[in-house]
PDB file of N, CA and C in Angstrom:
ATOM      1  N   MET A   1     -27.130 -43.397  23.358  1.00  0.00           N
ATOM      2  CA  MET A   1     -25.761 -42.916  23.222  1.00  0.00           C
ATOM      3  C   MET A   1     -24.784 -44.024  23.644  1.00  0.00           C
ATOM      4  N   ALA A   2     -23.602 -43.914  23.134  1.00  0.00           N
ATOM      5  CA  ALA A   2     -22.568 -44.894  23.474  1.00  0.00           C
ATOM      6  C   ALA A   2     -21.216 -44.186  23.524  1.00  0.00           C
ATOM      7  N   LYS A   3     -20.285 -44.822  24.149  1.00  0.00           N
ATOM      8  CA  LYS A   3     -18.936 -44.260  24.205  1.00  0.00           C
ATOM      9  C   LYS A   3     -17.929 -45.399  24.213  1.00  0.00           C
ATOM     10  N   LEU A   4     -16.672 -45.068  23.979  1.00  0.00           N
ATOM     11  CA  LEU A   4     -15.605 -46.055  24.021  1.00  0.00           C
ATOM     12  C   LEU A   4     -14.787 -45.844  25.286  1.00  0.00           C
ATOM     13  N   ARG A   5     -14.309 -46.940  25.823  1.00  0.00           N
ATOM     14  CA  ARG A   5     -13.461 -46.873  27.012  1.00  0.00           C
ATOM     15  C   ARG A   5     -12.293 -47.823  26.797  1.00  0.00           C
ATOM     16  N   ARG A   6     -11.109 -47.410  27.243  1.00  0.00           N
ATOM     17  CA  ARG A   6      -9.964 -48.306  27.213  1.00  0.00           C
ATOM     18  C   ARG A   6      -9.133 -48.097  28.467  1.00  0.00           C
ATOM     19  N   ARG A   7      -8.439 -49.136  28.840  1.00  0.00           N
ATOM     20  CA  ARG A   7      -7.555 -49.083  30.001  1.00  0.00           C
ATOM     21  C   ARG A   7      -6.151 -48.774  29.479  1.00  0.00           C
ATOM     22  N   VAL A   8      -5.507 -47.793  30.094  1.00  0.00           N
ATOM     23  CA  VAL A   8      -4.150 -47.413  29.716  1.00  0.00           C
ATOM     24  C   VAL A   8      -3.240 -47.660  30.906  1.00  0.00           C
ATOM     25  N   ILE A   9      -2.165 -48.386  30.661  1.00  0.00           N
ATOM     26  CA  ILE A   9      -1.179 -48.662  31.706  1.00  0.00           C
ATOM     27  C   ILE A   9       0.049 -47.822  31.398  1.00  0.00           C
ATOM     28  N   TYR A  10       0.420 -46.960  32.315  1.00  0.00           N
ATOM     29  CA  TYR A  10       1.538 -46.044  32.123  1.00  0.00           C
ATOM     30  C   TYR A  10       2.578 -46.344  33.190  1.00  0.00           C
ATOM     31  N   THR A  11       3.801 -46.615  32.771  1.00  0.00           N
ATOM     32  CA  THR A  11       4.876 -46.954  33.687  1.00  0.00           C
ATOM     33  C   THR A  11       6.058 -46.034  33.432  1.00  0.00           C
ATOM     34  N   ASP A  12       6.643 -45.518  34.487  1.00  0.00           N
ATOM     35  CA  ASP A  12       7.822 -44.672  34.373  1.00  0.00           C
ATOM     36  C   ASP A  12       8.999 -45.418  35.001  1.00  0.00           C
ATOM     37  N   ILE A  13      10.009 -45.693  34.207  1.00  0.00           N
ATOM     38  CA  ILE A  13      11.201 -46.384  34.701  1.00  0.00           C
ATOM     39  C   ILE A  13      12.298 -45.350  34.880  1.00  0.00           C
ATOM     40  N   ARG A  14      12.912 -45.325  36.078  1.00  0.00           N
ATOM     41  CA  ARG A  14      13.957 -44.355  36.399  1.00  0.00           C
ATOM     42  C   ARG A  14      15.277 -45.072  36.651  1.00  0.00           C
ATOM     43  N   TRP A  15      16.354 -44.506  36.137  1.00  0.00           N
ATOM     44  CA  TRP A  15      17.703 -44.969  36.450  1.00  0.00           C
ATOM     45  C   TRP A  15      18.333 -43.874  37.291  1.00  0.00           C
ATOM     46  N   GLU A  16      18.829 -44.246  38.455  1.00  0.00           N
ATOM     47  CA  GLU A  16      19.464 -43.290  39.359  1.00  0.00           C
ATOM     48  C   GLU A  16      20.910 -43.722  39.602  1.00  0.00           C
ATOM     49  N   GLU A  17      21.783 -42.744  39.668  1.00  0.00           N
ATOM     50  CA  GLU A  17      23.196 -43.021  39.885  1.00  0.00           C
ATOM     51  C   GLU A  17      23.745 -42.125  40.980  1.00  0.00           C
ATOM     52  N   THR A  18      24.900 -42.537  41.511  1.00  0.00           N
ATOM     53  CA  THR A  18      25.593 -41.744  42.522  1.00  0.00           C
ATOM     54  C   THR A  18      26.775 -41.043  41.876  1.00  0.00           C
ATOM     55  N   ASP A  19      27.411 -40.163  42.628  1.00  0.00           N
ATOM     56  CA  ASP A  19      28.695 -39.631  42.215  1.00  0.00           C
ATOM     57  C   ASP A  19      29.710 -40.766  42.323  1.00  0.00           C
ATOM     58  N   GLU A  20      30.946 -40.507  41.944  1.00  0.00           N
ATOM     59  CA  GLU A  20      31.995 -41.524  42.019  1.00  0.00           C
ATOM     60  C   GLU A  20      32.146 -42.033  43.451  1.00  0.00           C
ATOM     61  N   LEU A  21      32.305 -43.345  43.597  1.00  0.00           N
ATOM     62  CA  LEU A  21      32.512 -43.949  44.911  1.00  0.00           C
ATOM     63  C   LEU A  21      33.979 -43.805  45.321  1.00  0.00           C
ATOM     64  N   THR A  22      34.196 -43.775  46.641  1.00  0.00           N
ATOM     65  CA  THR A  22      35.568 -43.769  47.147  1.00  0.00           C
ATOM     66  C   THR A  22      36.122 -45.186  47.065  1.00  0.00           C
ATOM     67  N   GLU A  23      37.432 -45.314  47.183  1.00  0.00           N
ATOM     68  CA  GLU A  23      38.055 -46.644  47.174  1.00  0.00           C
ATOM     69  C   GLU A  23      37.503 -47.506  48.306  1.00  0.00           C
ATOM     70  N   GLU A  24      37.285 -46.891  49.474  1.00  0.00           N
ATOM     71  CA  GLU A  24      36.741 -47.630  50.627  1.00  0.00           C
ATOM     72  C   GLU A  24      35.323 -48.122  50.330  1.00  0.00           C
ATOM     73  N   GLN A  25      34.500 -47.285  49.719  1.00  0.00           N
ATOM     74  CA  GLN A  25      33.135 -47.689  49.378  1.00  0.00           C
ATOM     75  C   GLN A  25      33.139 -48.828  48.347  1.00  0.00           C
ATOM     76  N   ILE A  26      34.049 -48.759  47.392  1.00  0.00           N
ATOM     77  CA  ILE A  26      34.159 -49.823  46.394  1.00  0.00           C
ATOM     78  C   ILE A  26      34.540 -51.140  47.078  1.00  0.00           C
ATOM     79  N   LYS A  27      35.487 -51.091  47.999  1.00  0.00           N
ATOM     80  CA  LYS A  27      35.906 -52.296  48.721  1.00  0.00           C
ATOM     81  C   LYS A  27      34.745 -52.887  49.508  1.00  0.00           C
ATOM     82  N   LYS A  28      34.003 -52.029  50.208  1.00  0.00           N
ATOM     83  CA  LYS A  28      32.842 -52.507  50.975  1.00  0.00           C
ATOM     84  C   LYS A  28      31.823 -53.166  50.047  1.00  0.00           C
ATOM     85  N   TRP A  29      31.569 -52.537  48.906  1.00  0.00           N
ATOM     86  CA  TRP A  29      30.552 -53.052  47.987  1.00  0.00           C
ATOM     87  C   TRP A  29      30.955 -54.411  47.427  1.00  0.00           C
ATOM     88  N   LYS A  30      32.214 -54.557  47.091  1.00  0.00           N
ATOM     89  CA  LYS A  30      32.697 -55.796  46.485  1.00  0.00           C
ATOM     90  C   LYS A  30      32.702 -56.979  47.458  1.00  0.00           C
ATOM     91  N   THR A  31      32.569 -56.726  48.757  1.00  0.00           N
ATOM     92  CA  THR A  31      32.516 -57.828  49.717  1.00  0.00           C
ATOM     93  C   THR A  31      31.236 -58.647  49.567  1.00  0.00           C
ATOM     94  N   GLU A  32      30.213 -58.058  48.954  1.00  0.00           N
ATOM     95  CA  GLU A  32      28.888 -58.674  48.804  1.00  0.00           C
ATOM     96  C   GLU A  32      28.233 -58.963  50.152  1.00  0.00           C
ATOM     97  N   ASP A  33      28.731 -58.302  51.198  1.00  0.00           N
ATOM     98  CA  ASP A  33      28.146 -58.378  52.542  1.00  0.00           C
ATOM     99  C   ASP A  33      27.024 -57.334  52.582  1.00  0.00           C
ATOM    100  N   GLY A  34      25.797 -57.792  52.801  1.00  0.00           N
ATOM    101  CA  GLY A  34      24.640 -56.902  52.795  1.00  0.00           C
ATOM    102  C   GLY A  34      24.748 -55.728  53.750  1.00  0.00           C
ATOM    103  N   GLU A  35      25.305 -55.954  54.937  1.00  0.00           N
ATOM    104  CA  GLU A  35      25.431 -54.875  55.922  1.00  0.00           C
ATOM    105  C   GLU A  35      26.416 -53.809  55.434  1.00  0.00           C
ATOM    106  N   LYS A  36      27.522 -54.244  54.853  1.00  0.00           N
ATOM    107  CA  LYS A  36      28.507 -53.282  54.344  1.00  0.00           C
ATOM    108  C   LYS A  36      27.956 -52.532  53.133  1.00  0.00           C
ATOM    109  N   GLN A  37      27.200 -53.224  52.302  1.00  0.00           N
ATOM    110  CA  GLN A  37      26.586 -52.555  51.165  1.00  0.00           C
ATOM    111  C   GLN A  37      25.538 -51.544  51.632  1.00  0.00           C
ATOM    112  N   ASP A  38      24.802 -51.874  52.694  1.00  0.00           N
ATOM    113  CA  ASP A  38      23.851 -50.915  53.282  1.00  0.00           C
ATOM    114  C   ASP A  38      24.574 -49.663  53.759  1.00  0.00           C
ATOM    115  N   GLU A  39      25.762 -49.832  54.342  1.00  0.00           N
ATOM    116  CA  GLU A  39      26.554 -48.682  54.784  1.00  0.00           C
ATOM    117  C   GLU A  39      26.875 -47.768  53.604  1.00  0.00           C
ATOM    118  N   VAL A  40      27.275 -48.379  52.496  1.00  0.00           N
ATOM    119  CA  VAL A  40      27.595 -47.581  51.304  1.00  0.00           C
ATOM    120  C   VAL A  40      26.354 -46.842  50.819  1.00  0.00           C
ATOM    121  N   ILE A  41      25.222 -47.534  50.766  1.00  0.00           N
ATOM    122  CA  ILE A  41      23.974 -46.899  50.318  1.00  0.00           C
ATOM    123  C   ILE A  41      23.626 -45.719  51.215  1.00  0.00           C
ATOM    124  N   ASP A  42      23.847 -45.860  52.536  1.00  0.00           N
ATOM    125  CA  ASP A  42      23.555 -44.773  53.469  1.00  0.00           C
ATOM    126  C   ASP A  42      24.497 -43.584  53.281  1.00  0.00           C
ATOM    127  N   GLU A  43      25.688 -43.823  52.760  1.00  0.00           N
ATOM    128  CA  GLU A  43      26.691 -42.771  52.602  1.00  0.00           C
ATOM    129  C   GLU A  43      26.540 -41.964  51.311  1.00  0.00           C
ATOM    130  N   VAL A  44      25.853 -42.503  50.333  1.00  0.00           N
ATOM    131  CA  VAL A  44      25.771 -41.852  49.022  1.00  0.00           C
ATOM    132  C   VAL A  44      24.378 -41.279  48.779  1.00  0.00           C
ATOM    133  N   GLU A  45      24.283 -40.481  47.725  1.00  0.00           N
ATOM    134  CA  GLU A  45      22.999 -39.914  47.332  1.00  0.00           C
ATOM    135  C   GLU A  45      22.762 -40.260  45.865  1.00  0.00           C
ATOM    136  N   PHE A  46      21.614 -40.862  45.588  1.00  0.00           N
ATOM    137  CA  PHE A  46      21.266 -41.214  44.216  1.00  0.00           C
ATOM    138  C   PHE A  46      20.548 -40.041  43.558  1.00  0.00           C
ATOM    139  N   GLU A  47      20.895 -39.783  42.299  1.00  0.00           N
ATOM    140  CA  GLU A  47      20.235 -38.734  41.522  1.00  0.00           C
ATOM    141  C   GLU A  47      19.777 -39.322  40.198  1.00  0.00           C
ATOM    142  N   LEU A  48      18.716 -38.760  39.676  1.00  0.00           N
ATOM    143  CA  LEU A  48      18.149 -39.236  38.416  1.00  0.00           C
ATOM    144  C   LEU A  48      19.185 -39.128  37.299  1.00  0.00           C
ATOM    145  N   SER A  49      19.429 -40.246  36.652  1.00  0.00           N
ATOM    146  CA  SER A  49      20.349 -40.285  35.517  1.00  0.00           C
ATOM    147  C   SER A  49      19.555 -40.130  34.217  1.00  0.00           C
ATOM    148  N   HIS A  50      18.528 -40.948  34.043  1.00  0.00           N
ATOM    149  CA  HIS A  50      17.609 -40.831  32.923  1.00  0.00           C
ATOM    150  C   HIS A  50      16.361 -41.651  33.233  1.00  0.00           C
ATOM    151  N   ASP A  51      15.332 -41.423  32.450  1.00  0.00           N
ATOM    152  CA  ASP A  51      14.097 -42.179  32.660  1.00  0.00           C
ATOM    153  C   ASP A  51      13.449 -42.487  31.323  1.00  0.00           C
ATOM    154  N   LYS A  52      12.484 -43.377  31.374  1.00  0.00           N
ATOM    155  CA  LYS A  52      11.770 -43.771  30.169  1.00  0.00           C
ATOM    156  C   LYS A  52      10.325 -44.057  30.544  1.00  0.00           C
ATOM    157  N   ALA A  53       9.423 -43.524  29.766  1.00  0.00           N
ATOM    158  CA  ALA A  53       8.001 -43.765  30.003  1.00  0.00           C
ATOM    159  C   ALA A  53       7.515 -44.841  29.035  1.00  0.00           C
ATOM    160  N   LEU A  54       6.776 -45.803  29.555  1.00  0.00           N
ATOM    161  CA  LEU A  54       6.183 -46.864  28.755  1.00  0.00           C
ATOM    162  C   LEU A  54       4.672 -46.761  28.857  1.00  0.00           C
ATOM    163  N   GLU A  55       4.005 -46.970  27.743  1.00  0.00           N
ATOM    164  CA  GLU A  55       2.550 -46.900  27.751  1.00  0.00           C
ATOM    165  C   GLU A  55       1.989 -48.078  26.967  1.00  0.00           C
ATOM    166  N   ASP A  56       0.961 -48.683  27.494  1.00  0.00           N
ATOM    167  CA  ASP A  56       0.286 -49.786  26.835  1.00  0.00           C
ATOM    168  C   ASP A  56      -1.202 -49.593  27.062  1.00  0.00           C
ATOM    169  N   SER A  57      -2.003 -49.952  26.091  1.00  0.00           N
ATOM    170  CA  SER A  57      -3.448 -49.808  26.273  1.00  0.00           C
ATOM    171  C   SER A  57      -4.176 -50.997  25.679  1.00  0.00           C
ATOM    172  N   ASP A  58      -5.346 -51.268  26.228  1.00  0.00           N
ATOM    173  CA  ASP A  58      -6.217 -52.320  25.725  1.00  0.00           C
ATOM    174  C   ASP A  58      -7.029 -51.778  24.555  1.00  0.00           C
ATOM    175  N   TRP A  59      -7.564 -52.689  23.767  1.00  0.00           N
ATOM    176  CA  TRP A  59      -8.452 -52.287  22.686  1.00  0.00           C
ATOM    177  C   TRP A  59      -9.712 -51.674  23.303  1.00  0.00           C
ATOM    178  N   PRO A  60     -10.215 -50.555  22.749  1.00  0.00           N
ATOM    179  CA  PRO A  60     -11.402 -49.913  23.335  1.00  0.00           C
ATOM    180  C   PRO A  60     -12.625 -50.834  23.313  1.00  0.00           C
ATOM    181  N   GLU A  61     -13.442 -50.692  24.345  1.00  0.00           N
ATOM    182  CA  GLU A  61     -14.689 -51.445  24.405  1.00  0.00           C
ATOM    183  C   GLU A  61     -15.851 -50.468  24.249  1.00  0.00           C
ATOM    184  N   LEU A  62     -16.903 -50.931  23.639  1.00  0.00           N
ATOM    185  CA  LEU A  62     -18.088 -50.110  23.437  1.00  0.00           C
ATOM    186  C   LEU A  62     -18.950 -50.156  24.689  1.00  0.00           C
ATOM    187  N   ILE A  63     -19.290 -48.993  25.212  1.00  0.00           N
ATOM    188  CA  ILE A  63     -20.153 -48.872  26.385  1.00  0.00           C
ATOM    189  C   ILE A  63     -21.463 -48.234  25.910  1.00  0.00           C
ATOM    190  N   GLU A  64     -22.534 -49.001  25.944  1.00  0.00           N
ATOM    191  CA  GLU A  64     -23.828 -48.497  25.486  1.00  0.00           C
ATOM    192  C   GLU A  64     -24.739 -48.211  26.675  1.00  0.00           C
ATOM    193  N   ASP A  65     -25.557 -47.184  26.525  1.00  0.00           N
ATOM    194  CA  ASP A  65     -26.590 -46.927  27.527  1.00  0.00           C
ATOM    195  C   ASP A  65     -27.625 -48.040  27.448  1.00  0.00           C
ATOM    196  N   GLU A  66     -28.254 -48.337  28.551  1.00  0.00           N
ATOM    197  CA  GLU A  66     -29.276 -49.381  28.603  1.00  0.00           C
ATOM    198  C   GLU A  66     -30.415 -49.083  27.607  1.00  0.00           C
ATOM    199  N   ASP A  67     -30.756 -47.808  27.420  1.00  0.00           N
ATOM    200  CA  ASP A  67     -31.860 -47.418  26.543  1.00  0.00           C
ATOM    201  C   ASP A  67     -31.544 -47.690  25.073  1.00  0.00           C
ATOM    202  N   ASP A  68     -30.284 -47.716  24.692  1.00  0.00           N
ATOM    203  CA  ASP A  68     -29.890 -47.859  23.283  1.00  0.00           C
ATOM    204  C   ASP A  68     -29.786 -49.309  22.832  1.00  0.00           C
ATOM    205  N   ARG A  69     -29.933 -50.244  23.714  1.00  0.00           N
ATOM    206  CA  ARG A  69     -29.762 -51.665  23.335  1.00  0.00           C
ATOM    207  C   ARG A  69     -30.947 -52.203  22.619  1.00  0.00           C
TER     208      ARG A  69
END
């Protein structure tokens, strides 16, 4: 007996967004200061905006039992 086997790579890419930022949060973000940007990240909540699934697979390989060779 024999069977086919293939490797499938499945990746899910997610885009998450926040609600509208306040003027103060926008100012902090535009400073490009990592600590201030961390403050903004801590103040907001990200929610799923959309996602996309990607799938790729290898060509199947033949797997034979030792007895069938």
